[in-house]
């Protein structure tokens, strides 16, 4: 099944980005991905079913917050930090700082990390 192309940086929409960032699990995923490294979906841990985690990753991808790359049966995700900063300067930093200050998304992490 072929995935839809990711929106170009100039096609990112504020309402879609804000809607995608309105959920604590998705904010947690963005916090985990904010180190700039590509992560396999299997590395991500959240207190939800795998199907729900997949849904959250789809919402982030569809909004242009993340980029997903498929390699065989595995999927890898990265944060589109450069594109987001270019389109919405300061938005991601403000969301991440507020989330950290309020412990939003702390329940999301990486396998083998606390």
Protein backbone atom coordinates (compact mmCIF):
# COMPACT_ATOMS: atom_id res chain seq x y z
CA UNK A 1 0.00 0.00 0.00
CA UNK A 2 1.55 3.28 -1.08
CA UNK A 3 1.40 6.15 1.38
CA UNK A 4 0.39 9.67 0.42
CA UNK A 5 3.25 12.07 -0.17
CA UNK A 6 4.20 14.37 2.68
CA UNK A 7 3.12 17.99 2.23
CA UNK A 8 5.89 20.33 1.12
CA UNK A 9 7.09 22.84 3.72
CA UNK A 10 5.14 25.70 2.13
CA UNK A 11 1.99 23.53 2.10
CA UNK A 12 1.99 22.96 5.87
CA UNK A 13 -1.11 24.44 7.47
CA UNK A 14 -1.25 25.95 10.94
CA UNK A 15 -4.66 24.52 11.84
CA UNK A 16 -3.58 21.00 10.85
CA UNK A 17 -0.32 21.33 12.80
CA UNK A 18 -2.07 22.66 15.90
CA UNK A 19 -4.73 19.94 15.72
CA UNK A 20 -2.02 17.28 15.44
CA UNK A 21 -0.22 18.76 18.43
CA UNK A 22 -3.38 18.90 20.55
CA UNK A 23 -3.01 15.39 21.98
CA UNK A 24 -0.64 14.47 24.86
CA UNK A 25 0.46 11.23 23.17
CA UNK A 26 1.33 13.07 19.95
CA UNK A 27 3.17 15.78 21.87
CA UNK A 28 5.09 13.01 23.61
CA UNK A 29 6.00 11.48 20.26
CA UNK A 30 7.22 14.86 19.02
CA UNK A 31 9.27 15.28 22.21
CA UNK A 32 10.89 11.87 21.64
CA UNK A 33 11.61 12.69 18.00
CA UNK A 34 12.90 16.19 18.76
CA UNK A 35 16.45 14.84 19.11
CA UNK A 36 16.51 14.76 15.30
CA UNK A 37 17.12 11.03 14.97
CA UNK A 38 15.09 8.74 12.78
CA UNK A 39 13.27 6.15 14.90
CA UNK A 40 11.71 2.83 14.01
CA UNK A 41 8.07 2.57 15.04
CA UNK A 42 9.02 -0.45 17.16
CA UNK A 43 11.31 1.76 19.27
CA UNK A 44 8.44 4.03 20.34
CA UNK A 45 6.61 3.29 23.59
CA UNK A 46 3.29 4.78 24.63
CA UNK A 47 0.51 3.64 26.98
CA UNK A 48 -1.82 2.83 24.07
CA UNK A 49 -2.47 -0.14 21.79
CA UNK A 50 -0.24 -0.49 18.73
CA UNK A 51 -3.18 0.40 16.49
CA UNK A 52 -3.75 3.61 18.46
CA UNK A 53 -0.06 4.47 18.30
CA UNK A 54 -0.22 3.92 14.55
CA UNK A 55 -3.18 6.30 14.37
CA UNK A 56 -1.27 9.00 16.30
CA UNK A 57 1.72 8.61 13.97
CA UNK A 58 -0.61 8.91 10.95
CA UNK A 59 -2.11 12.13 12.31
CA UNK A 60 1.38 13.61 12.76
CA UNK A 61 2.42 12.49 9.28
CA UNK A 62 -0.74 13.79 7.60
CA UNK A 63 -0.28 17.18 9.26
CA UNK A 64 3.32 17.33 8.02
CA UNK A 65 4.83 17.20 11.51
CA UNK A 66 6.72 13.97 10.79
CA UNK A 67 8.04 12.11 7.79
CA UNK A 68 7.63 8.34 7.54
CA UNK A 69 9.91 6.10 5.51
CA UNK A 70 9.08 2.49 4.81
CA UNK A 71 11.81 -0.09 4.35
CA UNK A 72 10.39 -3.53 3.68
CA UNK A 73 7.96 -4.24 6.49
CA UNK A 74 9.49 -1.65 8.81
CA UNK A 75 8.56 2.00 9.16
CA UNK A 76 10.79 4.80 10.37
CA UNK A 77 9.72 8.25 11.48
CA UNK A 78 11.52 11.58 11.78
CA UNK A 79 10.43 15.01 12.93
CA UNK A 80 10.32 17.57 10.11
CA UNK A 81 11.99 20.16 12.31
CA UNK A 82 13.57 22.25 9.55
CA UNK A 83 10.34 22.45 7.54
CA UNK A 84 8.28 23.30 10.63
CA UNK A 85 10.73 25.98 11.77
CA UNK A 86 10.79 27.50 8.29
CA UNK A 87 6.99 27.58 7.99
CA UNK A 88 6.11 28.38 11.63
CA UNK A 89 9.16 30.01 13.28
CA UNK A 90 9.27 29.36 17.02
CA UNK A 91 6.08 27.27 17.14
CA UNK A 92 7.72 23.91 17.80
CA UNK A 93 10.09 25.36 20.41
CA UNK A 94 7.16 27.00 22.22
CA UNK A 95 5.07 23.81 22.18
CA UNK A 96 7.96 21.65 23.35
CA UNK A 97 8.93 24.07 26.14
CA UNK A 98 5.34 24.28 27.38
CA UNK A 99 4.95 20.50 27.19
CA UNK A 100 8.13 19.96 29.17
CA UNK A 101 7.11 22.52 31.79
CA UNK A 102 3.75 20.80 32.25
CA UNK A 103 5.06 17.22 31.86
CA UNK A 104 2.79 16.70 28.83
CA UNK A 105 3.70 13.53 26.94
CA UNK A 106 6.02 12.17 29.63
CA UNK A 107 4.38 8.76 29.31
CA UNK A 108 5.80 8.39 25.80
CA UNK A 109 9.37 7.20 25.35
CA UNK A 110 11.73 4.82 23.67
CA UNK A 111 12.03 1.09 24.23
CA UNK A 112 14.63 0.37 26.89
CA UNK A 113 14.67 3.99 28.18
CA UNK A 114 12.92 5.47 31.18
